[in-house]
Protein backbone atom coordinates (compact mmCIF):
# COMPACT_ATOMS: atom_id res chain seq x y z
CA UNK A 1 0.00 0.00 0.00
CA UNK A 2 1.14 3.55 -0.71
CA UNK A 3 -0.27 7.04 -0.33
CA UNK A 4 -1.45 6.79 -3.94
CA UNK A 5 -4.14 4.28 -2.89
CA UNK A 6 -6.10 6.96 -1.00
CA UNK A 7 -8.84 9.31 -2.11
CA UNK A 8 -9.49 12.41 -0.02
CA UNK A 9 -11.91 15.32 -0.21
CA UNK A 10 -10.72 18.50 -1.87
CA UNK A 11 -11.49 21.83 -0.24
CA UNK A 12 -14.73 22.06 -2.24
CA UNK A 13 -15.82 18.53 -1.24
CA UNK A 14 -14.78 16.83 -4.47
CA UNK A 15 -13.00 13.45 -4.49
CA UNK A 16 -9.25 13.76 -5.10
CA UNK A 17 -7.22 10.64 -5.76
CA UNK A 18 -3.75 11.00 -4.31
CA UNK A 19 -2.52 9.01 -7.31
CA UNK A 20 -2.57 12.42 -9.02
CA UNK A 21 0.64 13.10 -7.07
CA UNK A 22 2.42 9.91 -8.13
CA UNK A 23 6.14 10.45 -8.66
CA UNK A 24 6.22 13.59 -6.50
CA UNK A 25 7.82 14.11 -3.10
CA UNK A 26 5.00 14.97 -0.69
CA UNK A 27 4.88 16.76 2.62
CA UNK A 28 1.56 15.99 4.33
CA UNK A 29 0.65 18.41 7.13
CA UNK A 30 -2.34 18.73 9.47
CA UNK A 31 -2.80 22.45 9.93
CA UNK A 32 -4.78 25.03 11.88
CA UNK A 33 -5.34 28.74 11.40
CA UNK A 34 -5.43 29.70 15.08
CA UNK A 35 -2.51 27.68 16.43
CA UNK A 36 0.80 28.83 17.86
CA UNK A 37 2.43 27.02 14.93
CA UNK A 38 0.26 28.74 12.28
CA UNK A 39 3.18 30.99 11.21
CA UNK A 40 4.75 27.79 9.80
CA UNK A 41 2.48 28.39 6.80
CA UNK A 42 5.06 30.98 5.77
CA UNK A 43 7.89 28.43 5.81
CA UNK A 44 5.74 25.83 4.06
CA UNK A 45 4.96 28.30 1.27
CA UNK A 46 8.65 29.15 0.88
CA UNK A 47 9.51 25.45 0.60
CA UNK A 48 6.75 25.01 -1.97
CA UNK A 49 7.91 27.95 -4.07
CA UNK A 50 11.53 26.82 -3.94
CA UNK A 51 11.00 23.14 -4.75
CA UNK A 52 7.66 22.66 -6.54
CA UNK A 53 9.35 22.73 -9.94
CA UNK A 54 11.62 19.91 -8.77
CA UNK A 55 8.64 17.77 -7.75
CA UNK A 56 7.57 18.82 -4.24
CA UNK A 57 3.89 19.02 -3.31
CA UNK A 58 2.66 20.10 0.10
CA UNK A 59 -0.72 18.61 1.03
CA UNK A 60 -2.53 20.70 3.64
CA UNK A 61 -5.20 19.02 5.77
CA UNK A 62 -6.86 21.47 8.19
CA UNK A 63 -7.74 19.80 11.50
CA UNK A 64 -9.97 21.19 14.23
CA UNK A 65 -9.32 18.41 16.78
CA UNK A 66 -6.79 20.29 18.92
CA UNK A 67 -8.55 22.94 21.00
CA UNK A 68 -10.68 23.85 17.95
CA UNK A 69 -7.81 25.80 16.40
CA UNK A 70 -9.08 25.36 12.82
CA UNK A 71 -12.55 26.90 12.97
CA UNK A 72 -14.42 28.08 9.93
CA UNK A 73 -15.45 26.77 6.57
CA UNK A 74 -13.10 25.61 3.85
CA UNK A 75 -13.58 28.95 2.14
CA UNK A 76 -12.74 30.90 5.31
CA UNK A 77 -9.62 28.78 5.89
CA UNK A 78 -8.53 29.27 2.26
CA UNK A 79 -9.06 33.03 2.51
CA UNK A 80 -7.11 33.24 5.76
CA UNK A 81 -4.16 31.28 4.37
CA UNK A 82 -4.12 33.18 1.08
CA UNK A 83 -4.40 36.62 2.66
CA UNK A 84 -2.03 36.07 5.57
CA UNK A 85 0.56 33.68 4.13
CA UNK A 86 0.04 33.68 0.37
CA UNK A 87 -0.27 29.91 0.29
CA UNK A 88 -0.67 28.28 -3.11
CA UNK A 89 -0.16 24.59 -2.28
CA UNK A 90 -3.12 22.17 -2.32
CA UNK A 91 -5.49 22.36 0.64
CA UNK A 92 -8.08 19.71 1.37
CA UNK A 93 -11.24 19.47 3.41
CA UNK A 94 -10.99 19.62 7.18
CA UNK A 95 -10.35 16.16 8.66
CA UNK A 96 -9.86 14.29 11.93
CA UNK A 97 -6.38 12.82 12.39
CA UNK A 98 -7.20 10.78 15.52
CA UNK A 99 -10.17 8.89 16.89
CA UNK A 100 -13.19 7.09 15.50
CA UNK A 101 -13.70 9.56 12.64
CA UNK A 102 -10.06 9.85 11.64
CA UNK A 103 -9.21 9.96 7.98
CA UNK A 104 -8.08 6.57 6.59
CA UNK A 105 -5.08 8.43 5.17
CA UNK A 106 -4.01 9.41 8.68
CA UNK A 107 -4.63 5.90 10.00
CA UNK A 108 -2.16 4.68 7.38
CA UNK A 109 0.37 7.49 7.95
CA UNK A 110 0.44 6.79 11.69
CA UNK A 111 0.85 3.04 11.10
CA UNK A 112 3.77 3.72 8.78
CA UNK A 113 5.55 6.18 11.10
CA UNK A 114 4.72 6.34 14.77
CA UNK A 115 6.51 8.67 17.13
CA UNK A 116 8.38 8.09 20.41
CA UNK A 117 5.19 9.28 22.14
CA UNK A 118 2.95 6.78 20.33
CA UNK A 119 1.15 6.72 17.02
CA UNK A 120 -1.48 9.39 17.62
CA UNK A 121 -0.98 12.88 16.29
CA UNK A 122 -0.29 15.10 19.31
CA UNK A 123 -0.91 18.54 17.75
CA UNK A 124 -1.35 20.51 14.56
CA UNK A 125 1.54 20.89 12.12
CA UNK A 126 2.73 17.29 12.45
CA UNK A 127 4.42 16.57 9.12
CA UNK A 128 4.97 13.40 7.09
CA UNK A 129 7.53 13.23 4.28
CA UNK A 130 6.60 10.85 1.45
CA UNK A 131 9.09 9.72 -1.18
CA UNK A 132 8.45 9.46 -4.94
CA UNK A 133 7.36 5.82 -4.48
CA UNK A 134 4.56 6.86 -2.11
CA UNK A 135 6.25 5.58 1.06
CA UNK A 136 6.49 7.46 4.35
CA UNK A 137 10.15 8.22 5.02
CA UNK A 138 9.91 10.60 7.99
CA UNK A 139 7.56 12.07 10.57
CA UNK A 140 8.24 15.45 12.13
CA UNK A 141 6.91 16.96 15.35
CA UNK A 142 4.84 20.15 15.21
CA UNK A 143 7.81 22.04 16.66
CA UNK A 144 10.01 21.07 13.69
CA UNK A 145 9.88 24.04 11.35
CA UNK A 146 9.69 23.68 7.57
CA UNK A 147 13.16 25.24 7.31
CA UNK A 148 14.61 22.43 9.44
CA UNK A 149 13.32 19.73 7.09
CA UNK A 150 14.37 21.39 3.84
CA UNK A 151 17.53 19.26 3.66
CA UNK A 152 15.48 16.06 3.94
CA UNK A 153 13.17 17.26 1.17
CA UNK A 154 16.13 18.09 -1.05
CA UNK A 155 17.54 14.61 -0.40
CA UNK A 156 14.26 12.97 -1.43
CA UNK A 157 13.99 15.18 -4.52
CA UNK A 158 17.43 13.96 -5.62
CA UNK A 159 16.45 10.30 -5.17
CA UNK A 160 14.80 8.79 -8.23
């Protein structure tokens, strides 16, 4: 199984097969607009601008499970991110990353890469790096900034 086997909901509610990203290096992030880590959107956008032409895609999954820090509709979240951080990477519908209603994608991601504190996502801006074959190669804590993982992304972009 790989990430390409999953279908998720786009920000407008449409089905999006992640096979559309086959052959790309992916950074999957659960995000929130009212979180202490929200300024990481700036770093994520910089990574995207710098490496998208080399094959990087950042997949943004808003999540309201942690102290309701991602309130609002998909449109409101998109507007916030566009106006405040100029984000242009793909954003999907709000999801749960833990619990009985968690996204099957996140069930798989957590099975592939747990953390020293267990498999569950502990907070927003947890990041998963996926190689060009659709395999999870790394999981990063919310405190790990996009700038700190740039070297890992570059390494994966160089690997064919």
